Amino acid sequence: RELVIFEAWKARSAREAADIERRFLDRGMAGSHGGWNE
């Protein structure tokens, strides 16, 4: 299905983006930590 409710934000670095991702994974969002690069 098309993802109509989708948004993205640019972090300063991959580490910062990964930290934000981890925060929301810890709060119960689906996803998998890892698989990112620089």
PDB file of all heavy atoms in Angstrom:
ATOM      1  N   ARG A   1       0.850  -1.195   0.000  1.00  0.00           N
ATOM      2  CA  ARG A   1       0.000   0.000   0.000  1.00  0.00           C
ATOM      3  C   ARG A   1       0.886   1.245   0.000  1.00  0.00           C
ATOM      4  O   ARG A   1       2.039   1.209   0.424  1.00  0.00           O
ATOM      5  CB  ARG A   1      -0.926   0.027   1.215  1.00  0.00           C
ATOM      6  CG  ARG A   1      -0.206   0.066   2.545  1.00  0.00           C
ATOM      7  CD  ARG A   1      -1.209   0.056   3.705  1.00  0.00           C
ATOM      8  NE  ARG A   1      -0.578  -0.252   4.951  1.00  0.00           N
ATOM      9  CZ  ARG A   1       0.038   0.626   5.734  1.00  0.00           C
ATOM     10  NH1 ARG A   1       0.100   1.890   5.394  1.00  0.00           N
ATOM     11  NH2 ARG A   1       0.582   0.250   6.874  1.00  0.00           N
ATOM     12  N   GLU A   2       0.306   2.325  -0.508  1.00  0.00           N
ATOM     13  CA  GLU A   2       1.028   3.591  -0.525  1.00  0.00           C
ATOM     14  C   GLU A   2       1.110   4.150   0.889  1.00  0.00           C
ATOM     15  O   GLU A   2       0.146   4.077   1.651  1.00  0.00           O
ATOM     16  CB  GLU A   2       0.301   4.582  -1.429  1.00  0.00           C
ATOM     17  CG  GLU A   2       1.024   5.893  -1.587  1.00  0.00           C
ATOM     18  CD  GLU A   2       0.260   6.882  -2.442  1.00  0.00           C
ATOM     19  OE1 GLU A   2      -0.805   6.522  -2.961  1.00  0.00           O
ATOM     20  OE2 GLU A   2       0.732   8.019  -2.566  1.00  0.00           O
ATOM     21  N   LEU A   3       2.253   4.697   1.223  1.00  0.00           N
ATOM     22  CA  LEU A   3       2.436   5.287   2.555  1.00  0.00           C
ATOM     23  C   LEU A   3       2.108   6.771   2.486  1.00  0.00           C
ATOM     24  O   LEU A   3       2.921   7.575   2.054  1.00  0.00           O
ATOM     25  CB  LEU A   3       3.872   5.087   3.035  1.00  0.00           C
ATOM     26  CG  LEU A   3       4.363   3.654   3.110  1.00  0.00           C
ATOM     27  CD1 LEU A   3       5.813   3.607   3.529  1.00  0.00           C
ATOM     28  CD2 LEU A   3       3.497   2.844   4.059  1.00  0.00           C
ATOM     29  N   VAL A   4       0.897   7.118   2.858  1.00  0.00           N
ATOM     30  CA  VAL A   4       0.496   8.521   2.805  1.00  0.00           C
ATOM     31  C   VAL A   4       0.877   9.272   4.073  1.00  0.00           C
ATOM     32  O   VAL A   4       1.123  10.465   4.034  1.00  0.00           O
ATOM     33  CB  VAL A   4      -1.017   8.681   2.549  1.00  0.00           C
ATOM     34  CG1 VAL A   4      -1.334   8.872   1.122  1.00  0.00           C
ATOM     35  CG2 VAL A   4      -1.806   7.555   3.123  1.00  0.00           C
ATOM     36  N   ILE A   5       0.927   8.585   5.171  1.00  0.00           N
ATOM     37  CA  ILE A   5       1.309   9.222   6.433  1.00  0.00           C
ATOM     38  C   ILE A   5       2.777   8.865   6.679  1.00  0.00           C
ATOM     39  O   ILE A   5       3.113   7.893   7.347  1.00  0.00           O
ATOM     40  CB  ILE A   5       0.393   8.775   7.586  1.00  0.00           C
ATOM     41  CG1 ILE A   5      -1.059   9.076   7.243  1.00  0.00           C
ATOM     42  CG2 ILE A   5       0.786   9.469   8.875  1.00  0.00           C
ATOM     43  CD1 ILE A   5      -2.054   8.592   8.266  1.00  0.00           C
ATOM     44  N   PHE A   6       3.647   9.670   6.081  1.00  0.00           N
ATOM     45  CA  PHE A   6       5.090   9.428   6.061  1.00  0.00           C
ATOM     46  C   PHE A   6       5.786  10.785   6.158  1.00  0.00           C
ATOM     47  O   PHE A   6       5.398  11.728   5.492  1.00  0.00           O
ATOM     48  CB  PHE A   6       5.456   8.748   4.738  1.00  0.00           C
ATOM     49  CG  PHE A   6       6.914   8.390   4.609  1.00  0.00           C
ATOM     50  CD1 PHE A   6       7.330   7.096   4.819  1.00  0.00           C
ATOM     51  CD2 PHE A   6       7.859   9.341   4.251  1.00  0.00           C
ATOM     52  CE1 PHE A   6       8.670   6.751   4.688  1.00  0.00           C
ATOM     53  CE2 PHE A   6       9.198   9.015   4.130  1.00  0.00           C
ATOM     54  CZ  PHE A   6       9.605   7.709   4.346  1.00  0.00           C
ATOM     55  N   GLU A   7       6.828  10.853   6.982  1.00  0.00           N
ATOM     56  CA  GLU A   7       7.597  12.091   7.102  1.00  0.00           C
ATOM     57  C   GLU A   7       9.045  11.746   7.435  1.00  0.00           C
ATOM     58  O   GLU A   7       9.317  10.705   8.021  1.00  0.00           O
ATOM     59  CB  GLU A   7       6.998  12.974   8.200  1.00  0.00           C
ATOM     60  CG  GLU A   7       7.572  14.370   8.259  1.00  0.00           C
ATOM     61  CD  GLU A   7       7.300  15.173   7.005  1.00  0.00           C
ATOM     62  OE1 GLU A   7       6.117  15.391   6.681  1.00  0.00           O
ATOM     63  OE2 GLU A   7       8.276  15.566   6.342  1.00  0.00           O
ATOM     64  N   ALA A   8       9.961  12.633   7.042  1.00  0.00           N
ATOM     65  CA  ALA A   8      11.381  12.427   7.314  1.00  0.00           C
ATOM     66  C   ALA A   8      12.011  13.746   7.749  1.00  0.00           C
ATOM     67  O   ALA A   8      11.567  14.821   7.340  1.00  0.00           O
ATOM     68  CB  ALA A   8      12.080  11.886   6.083  1.00  0.00           C
ATOM     69  N   TRP A   9      13.049  13.643   8.562  1.00  0.00           N
ATOM     70  CA  TRP A   9      13.780  14.793   9.066  1.00  0.00           C
ATOM     71  C   TRP A   9      15.267  14.514   8.945  1.00  0.00           C
ATOM     72  O   TRP A   9      15.713  13.389   9.154  1.00  0.00           O
ATOM     73  CB  TRP A   9      13.434  15.052  10.523  1.00  0.00           C
ATOM     74  CG  TRP A   9      11.986  15.305  10.757  1.00  0.00           C
ATOM     75  CD1 TRP A   9      11.361  16.521  10.790  1.00  0.00           C
ATOM     76  CD2 TRP A   9      10.962  14.327  10.982  1.00  0.00           C
ATOM     77  NE1 TRP A   9      10.023  16.353  11.017  1.00  0.00           N
ATOM     78  CE2 TRP A   9       9.743  15.016  11.131  1.00  0.00           C
ATOM     79  CE3 TRP A   9      10.949  12.935  11.045  1.00  0.00           C
ATOM     80  CZ2 TRP A   9       8.539  14.372  11.360  1.00  0.00           C
ATOM     81  CZ3 TRP A   9       9.743  12.289  11.263  1.00  0.00           C
ATOM     82  CH2 TRP A   9       8.566  13.001  11.423  1.00  0.00           C
ATOM     83  N   LYS A  10      16.045  15.547   8.643  1.00  0.00           N
ATOM     84  CA  LYS A  10      17.499  15.383   8.480  1.00  0.00           C
ATOM     85  C   LYS A  10      18.215  15.705   9.787  1.00  0.00           C
ATOM     86  O   LYS A  10      18.104  16.803  10.327  1.00  0.00           O
ATOM     87  CB  LYS A  10      18.015  16.299   7.372  1.00  0.00           C
ATOM     88  CG  LYS A  10      19.471  16.063   7.063  1.00  0.00           C
ATOM     89  CD  LYS A  10      19.932  16.902   5.896  1.00  0.00           C
ATOM     90  CE  LYS A  10      21.389  16.583   5.573  1.00  0.00           C
ATOM     91  NZ  LYS A  10      21.857  17.406   4.458  1.00  0.00           N
ATOM     92  N   ALA A  11      18.969  14.732  10.276  1.00  0.00           N
ATOM     93  CA  ALA A  11      19.782  14.913  11.476  1.00  0.00           C
ATOM     94  C   ALA A  11      21.161  15.441  11.067  1.00  0.00           C
ATOM     95  O   ALA A  11      21.512  15.465   9.893  1.00  0.00           O
ATOM     96  CB  ALA A  11      19.926  13.578  12.211  1.00  0.00           C
ATOM     97  N   ARG A  12      21.946  15.826  12.041  1.00  0.00           N
ATOM     98  CA  ARG A  12      23.289  16.337  11.761  1.00  0.00           C
ATOM     99  C   ARG A  12      24.262  15.245  11.356  1.00  0.00           C
ATOM    100  O   ARG A  12      25.213  15.498  10.633  1.00  0.00           O
ATOM    101  CB  ARG A  12      23.845  17.037  12.993  1.00  0.00           C
ATOM    102  CG  ARG A  12      23.685  18.523  12.952  1.00  0.00           C
ATOM    103  CD  ARG A  12      24.372  19.108  14.126  1.00  0.00           C
ATOM    104  NE  ARG A  12      23.617  18.701  15.306  1.00  0.00           N
ATOM    105  CZ  ARG A  12      23.385  19.461  16.335  1.00  0.00           C
ATOM    106  NH1 ARG A  12      23.885  20.647  16.392  1.00  0.00           N
ATOM    107  NH2 ARG A  12      22.666  19.030  17.340  1.00  0.00           N
ATOM    108  N   SER A  13      24.018  14.030  11.847  1.00  0.00           N
ATOM    109  CA  SER A  13      24.932  12.925  11.565  1.00  0.00           C
ATOM    110  C   SER A  13      24.178  11.603  11.630  1.00  0.00           C
ATOM    111  O   SER A  13      23.051  11.543  12.137  1.00  0.00           O
ATOM    112  CB  SER A  13      26.063  12.904  12.603  1.00  0.00           C
ATOM    113  OG  SER A  13      25.550  12.578  13.888  1.00  0.00           O
ATOM    114  N   ALA A  14      24.827  10.572  11.138  1.00  0.00           N
ATOM    115  CA  ALA A  14      24.233   9.237  11.208  1.00  0.00           C
ATOM    116  C   ALA A  14      24.086   8.798  12.665  1.00  0.00           C
ATOM    117  O   ALA A  14      23.088   8.166  13.027  1.00  0.00           O
ATOM    118  CB  ALA A  14      25.078   8.241  10.423  1.00  0.00           C
ATOM    119  N   ARG A  15      25.032   9.132  13.491  1.00  0.00           N
ATOM    120  CA  ARG A  15      24.962   8.777  14.919  1.00  0.00           C
ATOM    121  C   ARG A  15      23.762   9.452  15.583  1.00  0.00           C
ATOM    122  O   ARG A  15      23.026   8.832  16.335  1.00  0.00           O
ATOM    123  CB  ARG A  15      26.266   9.179  15.622  1.00  0.00           C
ATOM    124  CG  ARG A  15      26.268   9.021  17.134  1.00  0.00           C
ATOM    125  CD  ARG A  15      25.982   7.639  17.635  1.00  0.00           C
ATOM    126  NE  ARG A  15      26.892   6.661  17.108  1.00  0.00           N
ATOM    127  CZ  ARG A  15      26.630   5.361  17.051  1.00  0.00           C
ATOM    128  NH1 ARG A  15      25.493   4.890  17.514  1.00  0.00           N
ATOM    129  NH2 ARG A  15      27.493   4.512  16.555  1.00  0.00           N
ATOM    130  N   GLU A  16      23.546  10.732  15.273  1.00  0.00           N
ATOM    131  CA  GLU A  16      22.403  11.440  15.837  1.00  0.00           C
ATOM    132  C   GLU A  16      21.094  10.819  15.344  1.00  0.00           C
ATOM    133  O   GLU A  16      20.164  10.614  16.127  1.00  0.00           O
ATOM    134  CB  GLU A  16      22.459  12.920  15.451  1.00  0.00           C
ATOM    135  CG  GLU A  16      21.350  13.741  16.070  1.00  0.00           C
ATOM    136  CD  GLU A  16      21.467  15.209  15.728  1.00  0.00           C
ATOM    137  OE1 GLU A  16      21.011  15.612  14.642  1.00  0.00           O
ATOM    138  OE2 GLU A  16      22.040  15.941  16.571  1.00  0.00           O
ATOM    139  N   ALA A  17      21.023  10.490  14.063  1.00  0.00           N
ATOM    140  CA  ALA A  17      19.824   9.853  13.507  1.00  0.00           C
ATOM    141  C   ALA A  17      19.572   8.509  14.196  1.00  0.00           C
ATOM    142  O   ALA A  17      18.436   8.185  14.551  1.00  0.00           O
ATOM    143  CB  ALA A  17      19.973   9.670  11.999  1.00  0.00           C
ATOM    144  N   ALA A  18      20.631   7.734  14.404  1.00  0.00           N
ATOM    145  CA  ALA A  18      20.497   6.434  15.067  1.00  0.00           C
ATOM    146  C   ALA A  18      20.043   6.592  16.518  1.00  0.00           C
ATOM    147  O   ALA A  18      19.245   5.790  17.012  1.00  0.00           O
ATOM    148  CB  ALA A  18      21.820   5.673  15.006  1.00  0.00           C
ATOM    149  N   ASP A  19      20.516   7.625  17.193  1.00  0.00           N
ATOM    150  CA  ASP A  19      20.084   7.883  18.574  1.00  0.00           C
ATOM    151  C   ASP A  19      18.591   8.211  18.630  1.00  0.00           C
ATOM    152  O   ASP A  19      17.873   7.748  19.521  1.00  0.00           O
ATOM    153  CB  ASP A  19      20.883   9.032  19.190  1.00  0.00           C
ATOM    154  CG  ASP A  19      22.321   8.668  19.493  1.00  0.00           C
ATOM    155  OD1 ASP A  19      22.662   7.463  19.469  1.00  0.00           O
ATOM    156  OD2 ASP A  19      23.120   9.597  19.738  1.00  0.00           O
ATOM    157  N   ILE A  20      18.131   9.014  17.686  1.00  0.00           N
ATOM    158  CA  ILE A  20      16.713   9.360  17.624  1.00  0.00           C
ATOM    159  C   ILE A  20      15.885   8.110  17.333  1.00  0.00           C
ATOM    160  O   ILE A  20      14.852   7.860  17.964  1.00  0.00           O
ATOM    161  CB  ILE A  20      16.465  10.458  16.570  1.00  0.00           C
ATOM    162  CG1 ILE A  20      17.152  11.761  16.991  1.00  0.00           C
ATOM    163  CG2 ILE A  20      14.964  10.674  16.360  1.00  0.00           C
ATOM    164  CD1 ILE A  20      17.248  12.809  15.900  1.00  0.00           C
ATOM    165  N   GLU A  21      16.358   7.314  16.373  1.00  0.00           N
ATOM    166  CA  GLU A  21      15.666   6.065  16.043  1.00  0.00           C
ATOM    167  C   GLU A  21      15.557   5.173  17.278  1.00  0.00           C
ATOM    168  O   GLU A  21      14.476   4.658  17.590  1.00  0.00           O
ATOM    169  CB  GLU A  21      16.419   5.327  14.939  1.00  0.00           C
ATOM    170  CG  GLU A  21      15.801   3.992  14.575  1.00  0.00           C
ATOM    171  CD  GLU A  21      16.693   3.167  13.666  1.00  0.00           C
ATOM    172  OE1 GLU A  21      17.926   3.171  13.867  1.00  0.00           O
ATOM    173  OE2 GLU A  21      16.151   2.514  12.757  1.00  0.00           O
ATOM    174  N   ARG A  22      16.643   4.997  17.997  1.00  0.00           N
ATOM    175  CA  ARG A  22      16.660   4.157  19.201  1.00  0.00           C
ATOM    176  C   ARG A  22      15.651   4.663  20.233  1.00  0.00           C
ATOM    177  O   ARG A  22      14.951   3.885  20.868  1.00  0.00           O
ATOM    178  CB  ARG A  22      18.075   4.107  19.791  1.00  0.00           C
ATOM    179  CG  ARG A  22      18.202   3.450  21.165  1.00  0.00           C
ATOM    180  CD  ARG A  22      17.633   2.066  21.290  1.00  0.00           C
ATOM    181  NE  ARG A  22      18.258   1.123  20.393  1.00  0.00           N
ATOM    182  CZ  ARG A  22      17.712  -0.034  20.055  1.00  0.00           C
ATOM    183  NH1 ARG A  22      16.556  -0.403  20.542  1.00  0.00           N
ATOM    184  NH2 ARG A  22      18.318  -0.850  19.234  1.00  0.00           N
ATOM    185  N   ARG A  23      15.556   5.959  20.389  1.00  0.00           N
ATOM    186  CA  ARG A  23      14.616   6.538  21.353  1.00  0.00           C
ATOM    187  C   ARG A  23      13.182   6.098  21.051  1.00  0.00           C
ATOM    188  O   ARG A  23      12.440   5.713  21.947  1.00  0.00           O
ATOM    189  CB  ARG A  23      14.722   8.059  21.330  1.00  0.00           C
ATOM    190  CG  ARG A  23      13.750   8.744  22.250  1.00  0.00           C
ATOM    191  CD  ARG A  23      13.828  10.250  22.069  1.00  0.00           C
ATOM    192  NE  ARG A  23      12.936  10.930  22.962  1.00  0.00           N
ATOM    193  CZ  ARG A  23      13.274  11.477  24.111  1.00  0.00           C
ATOM    194  NH1 ARG A  23      14.514  11.391  24.541  1.00  0.00           N
ATOM    195  NH2 ARG A  23      12.385  12.084  24.850  1.00  0.00           N
ATOM    196  N   PHE A  24      12.800   6.142  19.759  1.00  0.00           N
ATOM    197  CA  PHE A  24      11.429   5.784  19.404  1.00  0.00           C
ATOM    198  C   PHE A  24      11.225   4.270  19.352  1.00  0.00           C
ATOM    199  O   PHE A  24      10.125   3.800  19.627  1.00  0.00           O
ATOM    200  CB  PHE A  24      11.007   6.483  18.115  1.00  0.00           C
ATOM    201  CG  PHE A  24      10.779   7.954  18.339  1.00  0.00           C
ATOM    202  CD1 PHE A  24      11.726   8.887  17.964  1.00  0.00           C
ATOM    203  CD2 PHE A  24       9.636   8.387  18.986  1.00  0.00           C
ATOM    204  CE1 PHE A  24      11.530  10.242  18.207  1.00  0.00           C
ATOM    205  CE2 PHE A  24       9.419   9.737  19.239  1.00  0.00           C
ATOM    206  CZ  PHE A  24      10.374  10.669  18.852  1.00  0.00           C
ATOM    207  N   LEU A  25      12.252   3.527  19.045  1.00  0.00           N
ATOM    208  CA  LEU A  25      12.153   2.066  19.145  1.00  0.00           C
ATOM    209  C   LEU A  25      11.905   1.672  20.601  1.00  0.00           C
ATOM    210  O   LEU A  25      11.080   0.801  20.878  1.00  0.00           O
ATOM    211  CB  LEU A  25      13.427   1.396  18.617  1.00  0.00           C
ATOM    212  CG  LEU A  25      13.648   1.443  17.115  1.00  0.00           C
ATOM    213  CD1 LEU A  25      15.049   0.936  16.775  1.00  0.00           C
ATOM    214  CD2 LEU A  25      12.592   0.630  16.382  1.00  0.00           C
ATOM    215  N   ASP A  26      12.613   2.322  21.512  1.00  0.00           N
ATOM    216  CA  ASP A  26      12.438   2.046  22.941  1.00  0.00           C
ATOM    217  C   ASP A  26      11.040   2.417  23.427  1.00  0.00           C
ATOM    218  O   ASP A  26      10.558   1.862  24.411  1.00  0.00           O
ATOM    219  CB  ASP A  26      13.484   2.794  23.769  1.00  0.00           C
ATOM    220  CG  ASP A  26      14.891   2.231  23.602  1.00  0.00           C
ATOM    221  OD1 ASP A  26      15.033   1.120  23.038  1.00  0.00           O
ATOM    222  OD2 ASP A  26      15.852   2.921  24.007  1.00  0.00           O
ATOM    223  N   ARG A  27      10.377   3.332  22.748  1.00  0.00           N
ATOM    224  CA  ARG A  27       9.012   3.745  23.122  1.00  0.00           C
ATOM    225  C   ARG A  27       7.956   2.871  22.467  1.00  0.00           C
ATOM    226  O   ARG A  27       6.769   3.086  22.677  1.00  0.00           O
ATOM    227  CB  ARG A  27       8.795   5.209  22.767  1.00  0.00           C
ATOM    228  CG  ARG A  27       9.683   6.119  23.623  1.00  0.00           C
ATOM    229  CD  ARG A  27       9.446   7.549  23.357  1.00  0.00           C
ATOM    230  NE  ARG A  27       8.229   7.984  24.031  1.00  0.00           N
ATOM    231  CZ  ARG A  27       7.713   9.183  23.881  1.00  0.00           C
ATOM    232  NH1 ARG A  27       8.287  10.063  23.100  1.00  0.00           N
ATOM    233  NH2 ARG A  27       6.608   9.512  24.503  1.00  0.00           N
ATOM    234  N   GLY A  28       8.388   1.891  21.646  1.00  0.00           N
ATOM    235  CA  GLY A  28       7.439   0.926  21.110  1.00  0.00           C
ATOM    236  C   GLY A  28       7.198   0.975  19.616  1.00  0.00           C
ATOM    237  O   GLY A  28       6.410   0.190  19.090  1.00  0.00           O
ATOM    238  N   MET A  29       7.859   1.891  18.898  1.00  0.00           N
ATOM    239  CA  MET A  29       7.686   1.921  17.451  1.00  0.00           C
ATOM    240  C   MET A  29       8.313   0.680  16.836  1.00  0.00           C
ATOM    241  O   MET A  29       9.278   0.132  17.362  1.00  0.00           O
ATOM    242  CB  MET A  29       8.332   3.167  16.832  1.00  0.00           C
ATOM    243  CG  MET A  29       7.530   4.412  16.984  1.00  0.00           C
ATOM    244  SD  MET A  29       8.240   5.736  15.983  1.00  0.00           S
ATOM    245  CE  MET A  29       7.118   7.059  16.366  1.00  0.00           C
ATOM    246  N   ALA A  30       7.746   0.256  15.704  1.00  0.00           N
ATOM    247  CA  ALA A  30       8.321  -0.859  14.955  1.00  0.00           C
ATOM    248  C   ALA A  30       9.569  -0.352  14.225  1.00  0.00           C
ATOM    249  O   ALA A  30       9.714   0.840  13.979  1.00  0.00           O
ATOM    250  CB  ALA A  30       7.305  -1.401  13.958  1.00  0.00           C
ATOM    251  N   GLY A  31      10.421  -1.271  13.853  1.00  0.00           N
ATOM    252  CA  GLY A  31      11.656  -0.925  13.144  1.00  0.00           C
ATOM    253  C   GLY A  31      12.766  -1.816  13.639  1.00  0.00           C
ATOM    254  O   GLY A  31      12.566  -2.663  14.503  1.00  0.00           O
ATOM    255  N   SER A  32      13.930  -1.632  13.085  1.00  0.00           N
ATOM    256  CA  SER A  32      15.068  -2.430  13.543  1.00  0.00           C
ATOM    257  C   SER A  32      16.282  -1.526  13.618  1.00  0.00           C
ATOM    258  O   SER A  32      16.613  -0.824  12.663  1.00  0.00           O
ATOM    259  CB  SER A  32      15.335  -3.587  12.585  1.00  0.00           C
ATOM    260  OG  SER A  32      15.626  -3.109  11.300  1.00  0.00           O
ATOM    261  N   HIS A  33      16.892  -1.494  14.757  1.00  0.00           N
ATOM    262  CA  HIS A  33      18.078  -0.652  14.945  1.00  0.00           C
ATOM    263  C   HIS A  33      19.239  -1.269  14.198  1.00  0.00           C
ATOM    264  O   HIS A  33      19.498  -2.447  14.290  1.00  0.00           O
ATOM    265  CB  HIS A  33      18.394  -0.522  16.436  1.00  0.00           C
ATOM    266  CG  HIS A  33      19.442   0.490  16.728  1.00  0.00           C
ATOM    267  ND1 HIS A  33      19.228   1.836  16.529  1.00  0.00           N
ATOM    268  CD2 HIS A  33      20.703   0.365  17.174  1.00  0.00           C
ATOM    269  CE1 HIS A  33      20.330   2.488  16.869  1.00  0.00           C
ATOM    270  NE2 HIS A  33      21.221   1.614  17.263  1.00  0.00           N
ATOM    271  N   GLY A  34      19.917  -0.467  13.443  1.00  0.00           N
ATOM    272  CA  GLY A  34      21.074  -0.949  12.692  1.00  0.00           C
ATOM    273  C   GLY A  34      20.806  -0.909  11.203  1.00  0.00           C
ATOM    274  O   GLY A  34      19.754  -0.480  10.745  1.00  0.00           O
ATOM    275  N   GLY A  35      21.785  -1.330  10.420  1.00  0.00           N
ATOM    276  CA  GLY A  35      21.642  -1.354   8.985  1.00  0.00           C
ATOM    277  C   GLY A  35      21.873  -0.007   8.327  1.00  0.00           C
ATOM    278  O   GLY A  35      21.626   0.170   7.150  1.00  0.00           O
ATOM    279  N   TRP A  36      22.374   0.956   9.068  1.00  0.00           N
ATOM    280  CA  TRP A  36      22.630   2.275   8.509  1.00  0.00           C
ATOM    281  C   TRP A  36      24.126   2.440   8.258  1.00  0.00           C
ATOM    282  O   TRP A  36      24.940   1.666   8.730  1.00  0.00           O
ATOM    283  CB  TRP A  36      22.103   3.370   9.440  1.00  0.00           C
ATOM    284  CG  TRP A  36      22.545   3.244  10.876  1.00  0.00           C
ATOM    285  CD1 TRP A  36      21.931   2.536  11.857  1.00  0.00           C
ATOM    286  CD2 TRP A  36      23.706   3.829  11.468  1.00  0.00           C
ATOM    287  NE1 TRP A  36      22.632   2.651  13.030  1.00  0.00           N
ATOM    288  CE2 TRP A  36      23.725   3.445  12.822  1.00  0.00           C
ATOM    289  CE3 TRP A  36      24.719   4.652  11.001  1.00  0.00           C
ATOM    290  CZ2 TRP A  36      24.722   3.848  13.697  1.00  0.00           C
ATOM    291  CZ3 TRP A  36      25.717   5.048  11.874  1.00  0.00           C
ATOM    292  CH2 TRP A  36      25.708   4.647  13.213  1.00  0.00           C
ATOM    293  N   ASN A  37      24.465   3.456   7.477  1.00  0.00           N
ATOM    294  CA  ASN A  37      25.877   3.760   7.234  1.00  0.00           C
ATOM    295  C   ASN A  37      26.125   5.238   7.515  1.00  0.00           C
ATOM    296  O   ASN A  37      25.228   5.947   7.969  1.00  0.00           O
ATOM    297  CB  ASN A  37      26.271   3.371   5.801  1.00  0.00           C
ATOM    298  CG  ASN A  37      25.456   4.105   4.765  1.00  0.00           C
ATOM    299  OD1 ASN A  37      25.233   5.302   4.867  1.00  0.00           O
ATOM    300  ND2 ASN A  37      24.991   3.391   3.757  1.00  0.00           N
ATOM    301  N   GLU A  38      27.313   5.722   7.225  1.00  0.00           N
ATOM    302  CA  GLU A  38      27.684   7.102   7.554  1.00  0.00           C
ATOM    303  C   GLU A  38      26.843   8.146   6.844  1.00  0.00           C
ATOM    304  O   GLU A  38      26.756   9.285   7.280  1.00  0.00           O
ATOM    305  CB  GLU A  38      29.166   7.336   7.240  1.00  0.00           C
ATOM    306  CG  GLU A  38      30.097   6.596   8.155  1.00  0.00           C
ATOM    307  CD  GLU A  38      31.559   6.833   7.801  1.00  0.00           C
ATOM    308  OE1 GLU A  38      31.853   7.844   7.128  1.00  0.00           O
ATOM    309  OE2 GLU A  38      32.389   6.017   8.201  1.00  0.00           O
TER     310      GLU A  38
END
